[in-house]
Amino acid sequence: MRLVFVTDNGFSKKDGSFYFSPPNYAHVKHLKKYFNEFVFVARKDNYDKSNLKIENYKEVHLIAKFNFIKLIYKLTKVIKKADAVICYGINGYFAHEIAKKLNKPIIAYNGGEIYEYLISRGTIKGRLLAPIIRFMERRKFANADYAHFCDDFLIDVYPTNGKILVASGVDIEFNYENLERRITKIRNKKKNDIFRIGLIGHTNNNLKGIGTAIRAISHLDNNYVLEVVGRGNHEKYDELAKNLGVFNQIDFKGTLKAGEEIFSWLDSVDLYIQPSQIEGLPRATIEAMSRGCPIISSNAGGLHKLISEDWRINHKDHGGLAAKICKLTNDFNLMEELAHDNFVKSKKYSSKEREKKYDDFYGEMIRNLK
């Protein structure tokens, strides 16, 4: 079965080889069980060391941003030979229009509500683009044969008559040893110790609320250190930290490998935060939950399903974030209780649960295509 995989971000080329970002890699890894041939069409991004090499795939087409003539030409050519097309983002909108005309099965995919982010930016450009993007997404899902949402709150936003899958691409192993290590860590903590606060998110924009996190640190004393894991240039955040007088309390770790390297780092932090402006169902937060991390987040996207209301803030509320960090780290019993609750919730997102959902959705699709 030949799948044309169309998306916007996360693909690059270096030294004659093609690479994709960890989220795209994880998505494709799960789909390989159902499709044996892939064709990728995406925007050409800059290479990042966190990217993974694309092995054993013959067709990768990277199109420059806004080159819609080449994009439509290439999509038309590859979709004619496809058994199915998975459509994500703006490029995915054009792919779905072409697939509809060619009578090819359409899988619409949505990993987060971009409309909220564009509006929240407060720019004229964002406010102009937001309704256009929402229209494109709604049309894509209305025409889809199959609809894959990362979280069920998106179903009401983007109605569809297609068969629905609600599942994130998170792969976690539910292991009680993770919780035991976390409880031991909390019980050994002293109030005058350094508190290491973790956040995962690339620095090319403020989608993950890195600026909010730095401002929150400026409200706290120097016992608090923010560690940020993710790709991208962080000069603007360095400047912000300097201006706020907390440059020595911000540590950009760069990229870490998915799996054990990320998990080891999560085990080392005392608290995880996700003050995002936009989210679907964030992989990083679920991974942190599976390691028993106490977590404070924003209300964005699916975070309201993961994190209790008491430990959520409105996005950009750096004062509220600082207050909750202070409250939590001054009550170790509360930290222990929150660690336990988050760990138990993460079981719902175990690899076994995801595989069952994928088999029902994609397995039926393949049977219908044959």
Protein backbone atom coordinates (compact mmCIF):
# COMPACT_ATOMS: atom_id res chain seq x y z
CA MET A 1 0.00 0.00 0.00
CA ARG A 2 1.34 3.38 -1.08
CA LEU A 3 0.73 6.36 1.23
CA VAL A 4 1.38 9.96 0.22
CA PHE A 5 2.31 11.78 3.44
CA VAL A 6 1.76 15.55 3.11
CA THR A 7 2.64 18.03 5.84
CA ASP A 8 4.14 21.47 6.41
CA ASN A 9 7.02 21.31 8.87
CA GLY A 10 9.79 19.03 10.03
CA PHE A 11 11.56 17.86 6.85
CA SER A 12 15.04 18.84 5.71
CA LYS A 13 17.96 17.82 3.50
CA LYS A 14 21.67 17.67 4.30
CA ASP A 15 24.62 16.23 2.37
CA GLY A 16 22.31 14.49 -0.09
CA SER A 17 20.19 12.77 2.57
CA PHE A 18 16.68 13.59 3.77
CA TYR A 19 15.71 13.98 7.42
CA PHE A 20 12.53 14.37 9.44
CA SER A 21 11.75 15.66 12.90
CA PRO A 22 11.12 13.26 15.83
CA PRO A 23 7.31 13.81 15.76
CA ASN A 24 7.17 13.01 12.04
CA TYR A 25 9.45 10.04 12.58
CA ALA A 26 7.15 8.68 15.31
CA HIS A 27 4.08 9.20 13.12
CA VAL A 28 5.61 7.32 10.21
CA LYS A 29 6.90 4.54 12.48
CA HIS A 30 3.34 3.82 13.61
CA LEU A 31 2.01 3.90 10.03
CA LYS A 32 4.61 1.45 8.69
CA LYS A 33 2.53 -1.40 10.08
CA TYR A 34 -0.20 -0.54 7.57
CA PHE A 35 1.64 0.95 4.57
CA ASN A 36 4.76 -0.45 2.91
CA GLU A 37 5.54 2.47 0.61
CA PHE A 38 5.72 6.17 1.51
CA VAL A 39 5.98 9.33 -0.54
CA PHE A 40 6.69 12.50 1.46
CA VAL A 41 5.74 16.01 0.34
CA ALA A 42 6.61 18.80 2.76
CA ARG A 43 8.05 22.27 3.15
CA LYS A 44 11.84 22.42 3.07
CA ASP A 45 12.99 23.36 6.58
CA ASN A 46 16.47 23.96 7.94
CA TYR A 47 18.30 20.86 9.16
CA ASP A 48 18.51 20.39 12.92
CA LYS A 49 20.66 17.87 14.76
CA SER A 50 17.56 16.38 16.39
CA ASN A 51 16.31 15.33 12.93
CA LEU A 52 16.42 11.66 12.01
CA LYS A 53 17.58 10.30 8.66
CA ILE A 54 14.89 8.96 6.35
CA GLU A 55 15.92 5.42 5.47
CA ASN A 56 14.52 3.13 2.78
CA TYR A 57 12.05 5.64 1.32
CA LYS A 58 12.49 6.39 -2.36
CA GLU A 59 10.43 9.55 -2.76
CA VAL A 60 10.87 12.74 -0.75
CA HIS A 61 9.78 16.05 -2.26
CA LEU A 62 10.65 19.23 -0.37
CA ILE A 63 8.98 22.40 -1.63
CA ALA A 64 10.02 25.95 -0.75
CA LYS A 65 7.53 27.93 1.33
CA PHE A 66 4.87 29.74 -0.78
CA ASN A 67 5.89 27.96 -3.99
CA PHE A 68 2.31 26.83 -4.55
CA ILE A 69 2.69 26.21 -8.30
CA LYS A 70 5.41 23.61 -7.75
CA LEU A 71 3.54 22.20 -4.75
CA ILE A 72 0.32 21.62 -6.71
CA TYR A 73 2.21 20.14 -9.66
CA LYS A 74 4.12 17.71 -7.44
CA LEU A 75 1.07 16.75 -5.39
CA THR A 76 -0.96 16.01 -8.49
CA LYS A 77 1.79 13.79 -9.87
CA VAL A 78 2.30 11.69 -6.73
CA ILE A 79 -1.34 11.48 -5.63
CA LYS A 80 -2.32 9.92 -8.97
CA LYS A 81 -0.28 6.85 -7.95
CA ALA A 82 -1.38 6.81 -4.28
CA ASP A 83 -3.58 4.31 -2.49
CA ALA A 84 -4.30 6.92 0.21
CA VAL A 85 -3.24 10.45 1.18
CA ILE A 86 -2.70 11.74 4.72
CA CYS A 87 -3.14 15.52 4.87
CA TYR A 88 -1.71 17.80 7.56
CA GLY A 89 -1.48 21.59 7.64
CA ILE A 90 -1.69 24.05 4.74
CA ASN A 91 0.11 21.72 2.33
CA GLY A 92 -2.36 19.06 3.41
CA TYR A 93 -5.26 21.31 2.43
CA PHE A 94 -4.02 21.46 -1.17
CA ALA A 95 -3.36 17.70 -1.11
CA HIS A 96 -6.90 16.98 0.00
CA GLU A 97 -8.37 19.12 -2.80
CA ILE A 98 -6.34 17.21 -5.38
CA ALA A 99 -7.08 13.82 -3.79
CA LYS A 100 -10.80 14.60 -3.82
CA LYS A 101 -10.72 15.36 -7.55
CA LEU A 102 -8.75 12.16 -8.22
CA ASN A 103 -11.10 10.11 -6.02
CA LYS A 104 -8.32 9.00 -3.66
CA PRO A 105 -9.02 8.13 0.00
CA ILE A 106 -8.29 11.12 2.25
CA ILE A 107 -6.99 10.93 5.83
CA ALA A 108 -7.26 14.36 7.45
CA TYR A 109 -4.90 14.81 10.40
CA ASN A 110 -4.90 17.54 13.04
CA GLY A 111 -2.37 17.79 15.86
CA GLY A 112 -3.49 21.08 17.43
CA GLU A 113 -5.67 24.17 17.11
CA ILE A 114 -3.61 26.69 15.14
CA TYR A 115 -6.53 29.16 15.15
CA GLU A 116 -6.10 29.77 18.89
CA TYR A 117 -2.40 30.47 18.46
CA LEU A 118 -2.84 32.90 15.58
CA ILE A 119 -5.45 34.87 17.50
CA SER A 120 -3.39 34.83 20.71
CA ARG A 121 -0.41 36.44 18.97
CA GLY A 122 -2.36 39.69 18.86
CA THR A 123 -0.97 40.66 15.45
CA ILE A 124 -2.97 41.91 12.47
CA LYS A 125 -1.45 39.17 10.32
CA GLY A 126 -2.46 36.49 12.84
CA ARG A 127 -6.03 37.76 13.07
CA LEU A 128 -6.32 37.85 9.28
CA LEU A 129 -4.87 34.37 8.80
CA ALA A 130 -6.77 32.62 11.62
CA PRO A 131 -10.21 32.41 9.96
CA ILE A 132 -8.64 31.43 6.64
CA ILE A 133 -6.71 28.56 8.23
CA ARG A 134 -9.79 27.44 10.15
CA PHE A 135 -11.85 27.43 6.93
CA MET A 136 -9.21 25.32 5.20
CA GLU A 137 -9.10 22.83 8.08
CA ARG A 138 -12.87 22.55 8.28
CA ARG A 139 -13.18 21.96 4.54
CA LYS A 140 -10.44 19.33 4.70
CA PHE A 141 -12.16 17.39 7.49
CA ALA A 142 -15.61 17.78 5.94
CA ASN A 143 -14.32 16.06 2.78
CA ALA A 144 -12.21 13.40 4.52
CA ASP A 145 -12.91 9.69 4.38
CA TYR A 146 -10.91 9.22 7.58
CA ALA A 147 -10.14 11.74 10.33
CA HIS A 148 -7.25 11.38 12.78
CA PHE A 149 -7.38 13.78 15.74
CA CYS A 150 -4.76 13.96 18.47
CA ASP A 151 -7.52 14.81 20.98
CA ASP A 152 -11.30 14.67 20.99
CA PHE A 153 -11.85 18.38 21.69
CA LEU A 154 -10.91 18.95 18.03
CA ILE A 155 -13.84 16.87 16.73
CA ASP A 156 -16.36 19.63 17.51
CA VAL A 157 -14.06 22.25 15.98
CA TYR A 158 -13.58 20.29 12.74
CA PRO A 159 -16.71 18.16 12.08
CA THR A 160 -16.34 15.19 9.78
CA ASN A 161 -18.42 12.40 8.28
CA GLY A 162 -15.36 10.17 8.01
CA LYS A 163 -14.34 7.39 10.36
CA ILE A 164 -12.68 8.95 13.40
CA LEU A 165 -9.51 8.07 15.29
CA VAL A 166 -8.61 9.97 18.45
CA ALA A 167 -5.06 9.06 19.42
CA SER A 168 -1.75 10.78 19.99
CA GLY A 169 1.51 9.37 18.70
CA VAL A 170 2.92 9.00 22.20
CA ASP A 171 4.79 5.79 23.03
CA ILE A 172 5.20 5.22 26.76
CA GLU A 173 5.79 2.11 28.80
CA PHE A 174 3.79 2.20 32.04
CA ASN A 175 6.28 1.15 34.74
CA TYR A 176 5.73 1.63 38.49
CA GLU A 177 9.48 1.87 39.02
CA ASN A 178 9.27 5.35 37.46
CA LEU A 179 6.86 6.46 40.17
CA GLU A 180 8.93 4.88 42.94
CA ARG A 181 12.03 6.79 41.79
CA ARG A 182 10.06 10.02 41.68
CA ILE A 183 8.63 9.60 45.19
CA THR A 184 12.10 8.86 46.55
CA LYS A 185 13.44 11.99 44.81
CA ILE A 186 10.71 14.17 46.34
CA ARG A 187 11.19 12.74 49.83
CA ASN A 188 14.92 13.42 49.69
CA LYS A 189 14.38 17.05 48.66
CA LYS A 190 15.07 19.96 51.03
CA LYS A 191 13.43 23.38 50.78
CA ASN A 192 16.71 25.24 50.34
CA ASP A 193 17.86 22.95 47.50
CA ILE A 194 17.94 24.08 43.88
CA PHE A 195 14.67 23.29 42.10
CA ARG A 196 15.16 22.26 38.48
CA ILE A 197 12.17 23.08 36.30
CA GLY A 198 11.91 21.40 32.90
CA LEU A 199 10.25 22.46 29.66
CA ILE A 200 10.41 20.85 26.19
CA GLY A 201 9.87 23.01 23.11
CA HIS A 202 11.76 24.38 20.11
CA THR A 203 12.77 28.03 20.31
CA ASN A 204 11.88 29.30 16.83
CA ASN A 205 8.61 30.69 18.17
CA ASN A 206 6.82 31.00 21.50
CA LEU A 207 4.28 28.23 20.91
CA LYS A 208 5.51 26.38 23.99
CA GLY A 209 5.52 29.47 26.22
CA ILE A 210 9.27 29.71 26.81
CA GLY A 211 9.01 33.47 27.24
CA THR A 212 6.26 32.99 29.82
CA ALA A 213 8.46 30.51 31.70
CA ILE A 214 11.44 32.89 31.78
CA ARG A 215 9.23 35.71 33.07
CA ALA A 216 7.89 33.37 35.76
CA ILE A 217 11.43 32.59 36.89
CA SER A 218 12.05 36.32 37.30
CA HIS A 219 9.37 36.36 40.01
CA LEU A 220 11.15 33.64 42.01
CA ASP A 221 14.40 33.54 43.98
CA ASN A 222 17.65 32.12 42.63
CA ASN A 223 16.93 28.61 43.95
CA TYR A 224 14.93 28.00 40.78
CA VAL A 225 16.55 27.01 37.46
CA LEU A 226 14.67 26.59 34.18
CA GLU A 227 16.02 23.92 31.80
CA VAL A 228 14.71 24.05 28.23
CA VAL A 229 15.15 21.09 25.88
CA GLY A 230 14.58 21.61 22.17
CA ARG A 231 16.04 22.72 18.88
CA GLY A 232 16.45 26.23 17.57
CA ASN A 233 18.22 29.51 18.20
CA HIS A 234 17.60 30.93 21.68
CA GLU A 235 19.30 34.33 21.40
CA LYS A 236 16.05 36.25 21.86
CA TYR A 237 15.35 34.31 25.05
CA ASP A 238 18.90 34.91 26.28
CA GLU A 239 18.29 38.61 25.80
CA LEU A 240 14.97 38.42 27.64
CA ALA A 241 16.61 36.57 30.53
CA LYS A 242 19.39 39.16 30.72
CA ASN A 243 16.91 42.00 30.78
CA LEU A 244 15.00 40.31 33.60
CA GLY A 245 18.16 39.53 35.56
CA VAL A 246 17.77 35.74 35.42
CA PHE A 247 20.26 34.80 32.69
CA ASN A 248 22.18 32.50 35.08
CA GLN A 249 18.96 30.68 35.96
CA ILE A 250 18.09 29.66 32.39
CA ASP A 251 19.78 26.63 30.85
CA PHE A 252 19.13 25.73 27.22
CA LYS A 253 20.05 22.06 26.90
CA GLY A 254 19.65 21.81 23.13
CA THR A 255 18.22 18.64 21.64
CA LEU A 256 18.11 15.31 23.40
CA LYS A 257 17.40 11.97 21.73
CA ALA A 258 13.89 10.60 22.04
CA GLY A 259 13.57 7.72 24.45
CA GLU A 260 16.08 7.07 27.19
CA GLU A 261 17.94 10.39 26.86
CA ILE A 262 14.72 12.40 27.27
CA PHE A 263 13.44 10.10 30.01
CA SER A 264 16.69 10.37 31.97
CA TRP A 265 16.49 14.16 31.80
CA LEU A 266 12.83 14.14 32.89
CA ASP A 267 13.83 12.01 35.88
CA SER A 268 16.41 14.64 36.83
CA VAL A 269 14.05 17.64 37.00
CA ASP A 270 11.90 18.40 40.04
CA LEU A 271 8.98 19.86 38.17
CA TYR A 272 7.79 20.01 34.55
CA ILE A 273 5.91 22.96 33.05
CA GLN A 274 4.02 23.33 29.76
CA PRO A 275 2.85 26.98 29.50
CA SER A 276 1.98 26.57 25.81
CA GLN A 277 0.00 28.98 23.65
CA ILE A 278 -1.22 26.18 21.39
CA GLU A 279 -1.37 22.41 21.85
CA GLY A 280 -2.97 19.29 20.61
CA LEU A 281 -2.36 16.51 23.07
CA PRO A 282 1.30 17.20 23.92
CA ARG A 283 3.65 14.25 23.77
CA ALA A 284 6.17 15.89 26.09
CA THR A 285 3.60 16.41 28.85
CA ILE A 286 2.42 12.80 28.68
CA GLU A 287 6.02 11.57 28.78
CA ALA A 288 6.64 13.74 31.84
CA MET A 289 3.51 12.31 33.47
CA SER A 290 4.77 8.78 32.84
CA ARG A 291 7.93 9.65 34.81
CA GLY A 292 5.86 10.89 37.75
CA CYS A 293 6.69 14.58 37.24
CA PRO A 294 4.58 17.16 39.07
CA ILE A 295 3.30 19.39 36.24
CA ILE A 296 1.94 22.91 35.78
CA SER A 297 0.52 23.81 32.38
CA SER A 298 -1.58 26.31 30.47
CA ASN A 299 -5.16 25.67 29.35
CA ALA A 300 -4.17 25.26 25.70
CA GLY A 301 -5.62 22.45 23.61
CA GLY A 302 -5.83 19.04 25.25
CA LEU A 303 -3.88 20.08 28.36
CA HIS A 304 -7.17 20.54 30.21
CA LYS A 305 -7.67 16.76 29.94
CA LEU A 306 -4.22 15.96 31.27
CA ILE A 307 -3.66 18.49 34.04
CA SER A 308 -6.17 19.34 36.79
CA GLU A 309 -7.60 22.86 36.89
CA ASP A 310 -5.72 23.73 40.09
CA TRP A 311 -2.43 23.36 38.22
CA ARG A 312 -3.30 25.15 35.00
CA ILE A 313 -2.86 28.81 34.06
CA ASN A 314 -4.07 30.98 31.22
CA HIS A 315 -1.35 31.22 28.57
CA LYS A 316 1.06 34.13 29.09
CA ASP A 317 0.13 34.36 32.79
CA HIS A 318 3.71 34.35 34.08
CA GLY A 319 2.65 35.69 37.48
CA GLY A 320 0.18 32.85 37.93
CA LEU A 321 2.80 30.33 36.81
CA ALA A 322 5.32 31.65 39.34
CA ALA A 323 2.72 31.50 42.13
CA LYS A 324 1.85 27.87 41.37
CA ILE A 325 5.54 26.89 41.15
CA CYS A 326 6.12 28.50 44.55
CA LYS A 327 3.06 26.83 46.10
CA LEU A 328 3.98 23.39 44.82
CA THR A 329 7.67 23.45 45.68
CA ASN A 330 6.89 24.58 49.23
CA ASP A 331 4.69 21.56 49.91
CA PHE A 332 6.43 18.21 49.31
CA ASN A 333 3.30 16.26 50.25
CA LEU A 334 1.47 18.09 47.49
CA MET A 335 4.30 17.34 45.05
CA GLU A 336 4.09 13.66 45.92
CA GLU A 337 0.31 13.60 45.51
CA LEU A 338 0.52 15.33 42.12
CA ALA A 339 3.31 13.01 40.97
CA HIS A 340 1.14 9.98 41.76
CA ASP A 341 -1.97 11.41 40.04
CA ASN A 342 -0.08 12.32 36.87
CA PHE A 343 1.60 8.93 36.69
CA VAL A 344 -1.72 7.06 36.98
CA LYS A 345 -3.33 9.25 34.28
CA SER A 346 -0.51 8.44 31.88
CA LYS A 347 -1.57 4.79 31.70
CA LYS A 348 -4.34 5.81 29.33
CA TYR A 349 -1.66 6.76 26.80
CA SER A 350 0.42 3.60 26.92
CA SER A 351 1.73 2.03 23.72
CA LYS A 352 -0.69 -0.88 24.03
CA GLU A 353 -3.70 1.43 24.18
CA ARG A 354 -2.51 3.38 21.14
CA GLU A 355 -1.88 0.21 19.13
CA LYS A 356 -5.45 -1.01 19.73
CA LYS A 357 -6.86 2.27 18.42
CA TYR A 358 -4.56 2.31 15.39
CA ASP A 359 -5.40 -1.28 14.47
CA ASP A 360 -9.12 -0.55 14.55
CA PHE A 361 -8.77 2.61 12.43
CA TYR A 362 -5.95 1.91 9.96
CA GLY A 363 -6.55 -1.84 9.85
CA GLU A 364 -10.13 -1.28 8.68
CA MET A 365 -8.92 1.29 6.17
CA ILE A 366 -6.48 -1.15 4.59
CA ARG A 367 -9.17 -3.83 4.36
CA ASN A 368 -11.43 -1.34 2.57
CA LEU A 369 -8.68 -0.37 0.14
CA LYS A 370 -7.92 -3.93 -0.95
